[in-house]
Amino acid sequence: MKDKEYVQERIPHRDPFLLVDGVTSIGETEAKAYRDILEDDPVFRGHFPGCPIYPGVLIIEGLAQTAGILLLKPGTTPLFVGIERARFKTIVKPPCRLEYSIRLIGRKMNLAKIDATAFVDGKLSVKAVLLVTSLDQ
């Protein structure tokens, strides 16, 4: 288990846009990470007051950040450059732990293709194919 300090060593994102709280496993081609979604998250002041729903676009960004943790050297800047076949299966509401799972499915030069899924309580919430590269080439 790797904590937020490890995450911040791997990618340049910081609060309030750091959307990965920790990494539960990491290998050469796969990684699992998480974000704890809490009622006091600032996003819920506007999305939606009285009916907090964690935005799907932030789930996708958290998956892309997890891909950056897996694929890039510390000190490089990850770029999320594409998304294919995104599907939103369940609503994410606080409090919960959003679990990210990514797997490298292909690489062409400096572009990585990622199978990305997010789960809450073992239920599939989001699935997509992401394209990730690095600003620092």
N, C-alpha and C. Protein backbone atom coordinates (compact mmCIF):
# COMPACT_ATOMS: atom_id res chain seq x y z
N MET A 1 0.85 -1.19 0.00
CA MET A 1 0.00 0.00 0.00
C MET A 1 0.88 1.24 0.00
N LYS A 2 0.64 2.13 -0.93
CA LYS A 2 1.40 3.37 -1.05
C LYS A 2 0.45 4.53 -0.72
N ASP A 3 0.97 5.52 0.01
CA ASP A 3 0.13 6.62 0.47
C ASP A 3 0.18 7.83 -0.47
N LYS A 4 -0.47 8.91 -0.04
CA LYS A 4 -0.56 10.11 -0.86
C LYS A 4 0.82 10.72 -1.14
N GLU A 5 1.73 10.57 -0.21
CA GLU A 5 3.10 11.06 -0.42
C GLU A 5 3.73 10.37 -1.64
N TYR A 6 3.55 9.06 -1.75
CA TYR A 6 4.05 8.31 -2.90
C TYR A 6 3.41 8.82 -4.19
N VAL A 7 2.10 9.05 -4.14
CA VAL A 7 1.38 9.56 -5.32
C VAL A 7 1.98 10.89 -5.75
N GLN A 8 2.24 11.78 -4.79
CA GLN A 8 2.78 13.10 -5.11
C GLN A 8 4.23 13.04 -5.60
N GLU A 9 4.93 11.97 -5.29
CA GLU A 9 6.28 11.78 -5.85
C GLU A 9 6.21 11.36 -7.31
N ARG A 10 5.12 10.71 -7.70
CA ARG A 10 4.99 10.16 -9.05
C ARG A 10 4.36 11.11 -10.06
N ILE A 11 3.39 11.92 -9.62
CA ILE A 11 2.72 12.84 -10.55
C ILE A 11 2.70 14.25 -9.95
N PRO A 12 2.62 15.28 -10.81
CA PRO A 12 2.71 16.65 -10.32
C PRO A 12 1.41 17.23 -9.77
N HIS A 13 0.31 16.52 -9.86
CA HIS A 13 -0.98 17.03 -9.41
C HIS A 13 -0.96 17.31 -7.90
N ARG A 14 -1.68 18.33 -7.50
CA ARG A 14 -1.82 18.69 -6.09
C ARG A 14 -3.27 19.07 -5.82
N ASP A 15 -3.63 19.07 -4.53
CA ASP A 15 -4.98 19.47 -4.15
C ASP A 15 -5.25 20.88 -4.64
N PRO A 16 -6.43 21.17 -5.12
CA PRO A 16 -7.62 20.33 -5.05
C PRO A 16 -7.80 19.39 -6.26
N PHE A 17 -6.81 19.31 -7.15
CA PHE A 17 -6.99 18.48 -8.33
C PHE A 17 -6.24 17.16 -8.28
N LEU A 18 -5.66 16.82 -7.17
CA LEU A 18 -5.09 15.49 -7.00
C LEU A 18 -6.24 14.55 -6.64
N LEU A 19 -6.54 13.60 -7.50
CA LEU A 19 -7.72 12.76 -7.35
C LEU A 19 -7.38 11.31 -7.02
N VAL A 20 -6.17 11.07 -6.55
CA VAL A 20 -5.74 9.74 -6.12
C VAL A 20 -5.19 9.89 -4.70
N ASP A 21 -5.77 9.15 -3.76
CA ASP A 21 -5.33 9.22 -2.36
C ASP A 21 -4.25 8.20 -2.01
N GLY A 22 -4.21 7.10 -2.76
CA GLY A 22 -3.22 6.07 -2.47
C GLY A 22 -3.22 5.01 -3.56
N VAL A 23 -2.19 4.19 -3.53
CA VAL A 23 -2.01 3.10 -4.50
C VAL A 23 -1.99 1.79 -3.72
N THR A 24 -2.85 0.85 -4.11
CA THR A 24 -2.91 -0.43 -3.40
C THR A 24 -2.04 -1.50 -4.04
N SER A 25 -1.79 -1.38 -5.35
CA SER A 25 -0.86 -2.30 -6.00
C SER A 25 -0.37 -1.67 -7.29
N ILE A 26 0.88 -2.02 -7.62
CA ILE A 26 1.46 -1.50 -8.86
C ILE A 26 2.46 -2.51 -9.39
N GLY A 27 2.38 -2.77 -10.68
CA GLY A 27 3.29 -3.69 -11.34
C GLY A 27 3.82 -3.03 -12.61
N GLU A 28 4.28 -3.83 -13.54
CA GLU A 28 4.81 -3.27 -14.79
C GLU A 28 3.71 -2.79 -15.73
N THR A 29 2.57 -3.49 -15.74
CA THR A 29 1.51 -3.14 -16.68
C THR A 29 0.15 -2.88 -16.01
N GLU A 30 0.06 -2.98 -14.71
CA GLU A 30 -1.21 -2.79 -14.01
C GLU A 30 -1.02 -2.02 -12.72
N ALA A 31 -2.07 -1.28 -12.35
CA ALA A 31 -2.05 -0.58 -11.07
C ALA A 31 -3.47 -0.46 -10.54
N LYS A 32 -3.55 -0.42 -9.22
CA LYS A 32 -4.82 -0.18 -8.53
C LYS A 32 -4.59 0.93 -7.53
N ALA A 33 -5.53 1.87 -7.51
CA ALA A 33 -5.42 3.02 -6.62
C ALA A 33 -6.82 3.35 -6.12
N TYR A 34 -6.91 4.38 -5.29
CA TYR A 34 -8.22 4.74 -4.74
C TYR A 34 -8.31 6.22 -4.43
N ARG A 35 -9.56 6.65 -4.28
CA ARG A 35 -9.89 7.99 -3.79
C ARG A 35 -11.04 7.83 -2.82
N ASP A 36 -10.88 8.38 -1.64
CA ASP A 36 -11.97 8.38 -0.67
C ASP A 36 -12.86 9.59 -0.94
N ILE A 37 -14.10 9.32 -1.26
CA ILE A 37 -15.08 10.36 -1.57
C ILE A 37 -15.83 10.69 -0.28
N LEU A 38 -15.67 11.92 0.20
CA LEU A 38 -16.25 12.34 1.47
C LEU A 38 -17.29 13.44 1.25
N GLU A 39 -18.24 13.56 2.18
CA GLU A 39 -19.32 14.54 2.05
C GLU A 39 -18.82 15.97 1.97
N ASP A 40 -17.66 16.26 2.58
CA ASP A 40 -17.18 17.64 2.61
C ASP A 40 -16.28 17.99 1.42
N ASP A 41 -16.19 17.14 0.42
CA ASP A 41 -15.42 17.44 -0.79
C ASP A 41 -16.00 18.72 -1.42
N PRO A 42 -15.16 19.70 -1.73
CA PRO A 42 -15.66 20.97 -2.29
C PRO A 42 -16.52 20.82 -3.55
N VAL A 43 -16.32 19.77 -4.31
CA VAL A 43 -17.08 19.60 -5.54
C VAL A 43 -18.59 19.50 -5.26
N PHE A 44 -18.96 19.02 -4.07
CA PHE A 44 -20.37 18.83 -3.77
C PHE A 44 -21.11 20.13 -3.44
N ARG A 45 -20.37 21.22 -3.30
CA ARG A 45 -21.04 22.52 -3.12
C ARG A 45 -21.79 22.91 -4.40
N GLY A 46 -21.32 22.38 -5.53
CA GLY A 46 -21.96 22.74 -6.79
C GLY A 46 -22.49 21.58 -7.60
N HIS A 47 -22.19 20.35 -7.21
CA HIS A 47 -22.58 19.16 -8.01
C HIS A 47 -23.15 18.08 -7.12
N PHE A 48 -24.27 18.00 -6.86
CA PHE A 48 -25.37 18.95 -6.93
C PHE A 48 -25.79 19.23 -5.49
N PRO A 49 -26.00 20.51 -5.10
CA PRO A 49 -26.38 20.82 -3.71
C PRO A 49 -27.62 20.03 -3.29
N GLY A 50 -27.51 19.35 -2.16
CA GLY A 50 -28.62 18.55 -1.66
C GLY A 50 -28.70 17.16 -2.25
N CYS A 51 -27.97 16.90 -3.30
CA CYS A 51 -27.95 15.57 -3.95
C CYS A 51 -26.54 15.33 -4.48
N PRO A 52 -25.58 15.09 -3.57
CA PRO A 52 -24.17 14.99 -4.00
C PRO A 52 -23.91 13.77 -4.88
N ILE A 53 -23.44 14.05 -6.08
CA ILE A 53 -23.03 13.00 -7.02
C ILE A 53 -21.62 13.36 -7.48
N TYR A 54 -20.67 12.43 -7.33
CA TYR A 54 -19.31 12.68 -7.76
C TYR A 54 -19.26 12.69 -9.29
N PRO A 55 -18.74 13.76 -9.90
CA PRO A 55 -18.79 13.89 -11.36
C PRO A 55 -18.00 12.80 -12.10
N GLY A 56 -18.61 12.27 -13.14
CA GLY A 56 -17.96 11.25 -13.96
C GLY A 56 -16.65 11.73 -14.57
N VAL A 57 -16.59 13.00 -14.94
CA VAL A 57 -15.36 13.53 -15.52
C VAL A 57 -14.21 13.47 -14.51
N LEU A 58 -14.50 13.63 -13.22
CA LEU A 58 -13.45 13.52 -12.21
C LEU A 58 -13.03 12.07 -12.00
N ILE A 59 -13.96 11.14 -12.18
CA ILE A 59 -13.59 9.72 -12.10
C ILE A 59 -12.63 9.39 -13.24
N ILE A 60 -12.94 9.86 -14.44
CA ILE A 60 -12.06 9.63 -15.59
C ILE A 60 -10.69 10.25 -15.33
N GLU A 61 -10.65 11.46 -14.80
CA GLU A 61 -9.38 12.12 -14.50
C GLU A 61 -8.60 11.32 -13.45
N GLY A 62 -9.27 10.80 -12.43
CA GLY A 62 -8.59 9.97 -11.43
C GLY A 62 -7.99 8.72 -12.06
N LEU A 63 -8.70 8.12 -13.01
CA LEU A 63 -8.15 6.97 -13.73
C LEU A 63 -6.93 7.38 -14.54
N ALA A 64 -6.98 8.53 -15.20
CA ALA A 64 -5.83 9.02 -15.98
C ALA A 64 -4.65 9.32 -15.06
N GLN A 65 -4.90 9.88 -13.88
CA GLN A 65 -3.81 10.12 -12.93
C GLN A 65 -3.19 8.81 -12.48
N THR A 66 -4.02 7.79 -12.27
CA THR A 66 -3.49 6.47 -11.90
C THR A 66 -2.61 5.92 -13.02
N ALA A 67 -3.02 6.12 -14.27
CA ALA A 67 -2.19 5.70 -15.41
C ALA A 67 -0.85 6.43 -15.39
N GLY A 68 -0.87 7.71 -15.06
CA GLY A 68 0.38 8.47 -14.96
C GLY A 68 1.30 7.92 -13.89
N ILE A 69 0.72 7.52 -12.77
CA ILE A 69 1.51 6.92 -11.69
C ILE A 69 2.20 5.65 -12.17
N LEU A 70 1.46 4.84 -12.92
CA LEU A 70 2.01 3.58 -13.42
C LEU A 70 3.08 3.80 -14.49
N LEU A 71 2.82 4.66 -15.44
CA LEU A 71 3.61 4.69 -16.67
C LEU A 71 4.78 5.65 -16.69
N LEU A 72 4.72 6.72 -15.92
CA LEU A 72 5.69 7.78 -16.10
C LEU A 72 6.74 7.81 -15.00
N LYS A 73 7.89 8.32 -15.37
CA LYS A 73 8.97 8.51 -14.39
C LYS A 73 8.62 9.70 -13.52
N PRO A 74 8.99 9.66 -12.24
CA PRO A 74 8.78 10.84 -11.39
C PRO A 74 9.43 12.07 -12.02
N GLY A 75 8.75 13.20 -11.91
CA GLY A 75 9.26 14.44 -12.48
C GLY A 75 8.76 14.74 -13.88
N THR A 76 8.06 13.79 -14.51
CA THR A 76 7.49 14.05 -15.83
C THR A 76 6.03 14.48 -15.66
N THR A 77 5.51 15.13 -16.69
CA THR A 77 4.15 15.63 -16.65
C THR A 77 3.26 14.77 -17.54
N PRO A 78 2.31 14.04 -16.95
CA PRO A 78 1.43 13.20 -17.76
C PRO A 78 0.41 14.05 -18.52
N LEU A 79 0.06 13.60 -19.69
CA LEU A 79 -0.99 14.25 -20.47
C LEU A 79 -2.04 13.21 -20.84
N PHE A 80 -3.25 13.50 -20.52
CA PHE A 80 -4.40 12.69 -20.89
C PHE A 80 -4.84 13.20 -22.26
N VAL A 81 -4.68 12.38 -23.31
CA VAL A 81 -4.90 12.88 -24.67
C VAL A 81 -6.07 12.24 -25.41
N GLY A 82 -6.72 11.25 -24.79
CA GLY A 82 -7.85 10.66 -25.49
C GLY A 82 -8.65 9.73 -24.62
N ILE A 83 -9.89 9.57 -25.01
CA ILE A 83 -10.80 8.66 -24.31
C ILE A 83 -11.67 7.97 -25.35
N GLU A 84 -11.84 6.68 -25.17
CA GLU A 84 -12.67 5.88 -26.07
C GLU A 84 -13.63 5.05 -25.23
N ARG A 85 -14.80 4.86 -25.74
CA ARG A 85 -15.78 3.93 -25.16
C ARG A 85 -16.05 4.15 -23.66
N ALA A 86 -16.13 5.38 -23.22
CA ALA A 86 -16.43 5.64 -21.81
C ALA A 86 -17.89 5.30 -21.53
N ARG A 87 -18.10 4.58 -20.44
CA ARG A 87 -19.44 4.21 -20.01
C ARG A 87 -19.54 4.42 -18.50
N PHE A 88 -20.64 5.06 -18.08
CA PHE A 88 -20.88 5.34 -16.67
C PHE A 88 -22.01 4.43 -16.21
N LYS A 89 -21.70 3.52 -15.31
CA LYS A 89 -22.62 2.45 -14.95
C LYS A 89 -23.40 2.70 -13.66
N THR A 90 -22.75 3.28 -12.66
CA THR A 90 -23.43 3.56 -11.39
C THR A 90 -23.05 4.95 -10.90
N ILE A 91 -23.95 5.53 -10.15
CA ILE A 91 -23.71 6.85 -9.55
C ILE A 91 -22.80 6.68 -8.35
N VAL A 92 -21.86 7.61 -8.19
CA VAL A 92 -20.94 7.60 -7.06
C VAL A 92 -21.35 8.71 -6.10
N LYS A 93 -21.71 8.30 -4.87
CA LYS A 93 -22.16 9.24 -3.83
C LYS A 93 -21.31 9.05 -2.59
N PRO A 94 -21.08 10.13 -1.87
CA PRO A 94 -20.31 10.01 -0.63
C PRO A 94 -21.16 9.43 0.49
N PRO A 95 -20.54 8.87 1.50
CA PRO A 95 -19.12 8.53 1.59
C PRO A 95 -18.87 7.17 0.94
N CYS A 96 -17.75 7.05 0.26
CA CYS A 96 -17.38 5.78 -0.35
C CYS A 96 -15.91 5.81 -0.71
N ARG A 97 -15.40 4.64 -1.03
CA ARG A 97 -14.06 4.53 -1.59
C ARG A 97 -14.21 4.17 -3.06
N LEU A 98 -13.69 5.04 -3.92
CA LEU A 98 -13.69 4.81 -5.35
C LEU A 98 -12.38 4.11 -5.69
N GLU A 99 -12.46 2.92 -6.25
CA GLU A 99 -11.27 2.12 -6.55
C GLU A 99 -11.00 2.16 -8.05
N TYR A 100 -9.78 2.59 -8.37
CA TYR A 100 -9.34 2.68 -9.76
C TYR A 100 -8.53 1.44 -10.12
N SER A 101 -8.74 0.92 -11.32
CA SER A 101 -7.95 -0.20 -11.82
C SER A 101 -7.58 0.10 -13.27
N ILE A 102 -6.28 0.09 -13.53
CA ILE A 102 -5.82 0.35 -14.90
C ILE A 102 -4.89 -0.76 -15.36
N ARG A 103 -4.92 -0.98 -16.68
CA ARG A 103 -4.06 -2.01 -17.28
C ARG A 103 -3.59 -1.51 -18.63
N LEU A 104 -2.28 -1.57 -18.85
CA LEU A 104 -1.71 -1.19 -20.14
C LEU A 104 -2.11 -2.23 -21.18
N ILE A 105 -2.71 -1.77 -22.28
CA ILE A 105 -3.10 -2.71 -23.34
C ILE A 105 -2.34 -2.49 -24.63
N GLY A 106 -1.56 -1.42 -24.69
CA GLY A 106 -0.76 -1.18 -25.88
C GLY A 106 0.08 0.07 -25.73
N ARG A 107 1.16 0.09 -26.51
CA ARG A 107 2.04 1.26 -26.49
C ARG A 107 2.56 1.47 -27.90
N LYS A 108 2.53 2.71 -28.34
CA LYS A 108 3.06 3.07 -29.65
C LYS A 108 3.86 4.34 -29.46
N MET A 109 5.17 4.21 -29.57
CA MET A 109 6.10 5.30 -29.29
C MET A 109 5.85 5.80 -27.86
N ASN A 110 5.46 7.06 -27.69
CA ASN A 110 5.27 7.61 -26.35
C ASN A 110 3.80 7.66 -25.94
N LEU A 111 2.94 6.96 -26.68
CA LEU A 111 1.51 6.94 -26.40
C LEU A 111 1.11 5.59 -25.82
N ALA A 112 0.44 5.62 -24.67
CA ALA A 112 -0.01 4.39 -24.03
C ALA A 112 -1.53 4.29 -24.10
N LYS A 113 -2.02 3.09 -24.39
CA LYS A 113 -3.45 2.81 -24.41
C LYS A 113 -3.77 2.01 -23.15
N ILE A 114 -4.75 2.48 -22.40
CA ILE A 114 -5.05 1.94 -21.07
C ILE A 114 -6.49 1.46 -20.98
N ASP A 115 -6.67 0.25 -20.47
CA ASP A 115 -8.00 -0.22 -20.07
C ASP A 115 -8.22 0.28 -18.65
N ALA A 116 -9.27 1.08 -18.44
CA ALA A 116 -9.48 1.72 -17.15
C ALA A 116 -10.88 1.41 -16.62
N THR A 117 -10.95 1.03 -15.34
CA THR A 117 -12.22 0.78 -14.70
C THR A 117 -12.20 1.38 -13.30
N ALA A 118 -13.39 1.76 -12.83
CA ALA A 118 -13.53 2.27 -11.47
C ALA A 118 -14.70 1.54 -10.81
N PHE A 119 -14.53 1.23 -9.53
CA PHE A 119 -15.51 0.46 -8.78
C PHE A 119 -15.84 1.14 -7.46
N VAL A 120 -17.07 0.95 -6.99
CA VAL A 120 -17.47 1.33 -5.65
C VAL A 120 -18.17 0.11 -5.04
N ASP A 121 -17.70 -0.32 -3.88
CA ASP A 121 -18.27 -1.50 -3.20
C ASP A 121 -18.34 -2.71 -4.13
N GLY A 122 -17.31 -2.89 -4.95
CA GLY A 122 -17.25 -4.04 -5.85
C GLY A 122 -18.11 -3.91 -7.10
N LYS A 123 -18.85 -2.82 -7.23
CA LYS A 123 -19.70 -2.62 -8.40
C LYS A 123 -18.99 -1.72 -9.41
N LEU A 124 -19.07 -2.12 -10.67
CA LEU A 124 -18.48 -1.31 -11.74
C LEU A 124 -19.19 0.03 -11.82
N SER A 125 -18.43 1.10 -11.77
CA SER A 125 -18.98 2.44 -11.88
C SER A 125 -18.68 3.06 -13.24
N VAL A 126 -17.41 2.93 -13.67
CA VAL A 126 -16.98 3.53 -14.94
C VAL A 126 -16.03 2.58 -15.64
N LYS A 127 -16.13 2.53 -16.96
CA LYS A 127 -15.13 1.83 -17.75
C LYS A 127 -14.85 2.65 -18.99
N ALA A 128 -13.58 2.62 -19.41
CA ALA A 128 -13.17 3.40 -20.58
C ALA A 128 -11.81 2.91 -21.06
N VAL A 129 -11.45 3.33 -22.24
CA VAL A 129 -10.11 3.16 -22.76
C VAL A 129 -9.51 4.56 -22.83
N LEU A 130 -8.35 4.76 -22.20
CA LEU A 130 -7.71 6.06 -22.13
C LEU A 130 -6.42 6.06 -22.93
N LEU A 131 -6.06 7.21 -23.48
CA LEU A 131 -4.78 7.42 -24.14
C LEU A 131 -4.00 8.42 -23.33
N VAL A 132 -2.78 8.04 -22.96
CA VAL A 132 -1.95 8.85 -22.06
C VAL A 132 -0.56 8.97 -22.67
N THR A 133 0.02 10.16 -22.55
CA THR A 133 1.40 10.39 -22.99
C THR A 133 2.08 11.28 -21.96
N SER A 134 3.22 11.83 -22.31
CA SER A 134 3.96 12.71 -21.40
C SER A 134 4.33 14.00 -22.11
N LEU A 135 4.23 15.10 -21.39
CA LEU A 135 4.64 16.39 -21.91
C LEU A 135 6.16 16.44 -22.09
N ASP A 136 6.88 15.75 -21.22
CA ASP A 136 8.34 15.75 -21.19
C ASP A 136 8.87 14.60 -22.04
N GLN A 137 9.21 14.90 -23.29
CA GLN A 137 9.64 13.81 -24.16
C GLN A 137 11.12 13.87 -24.43
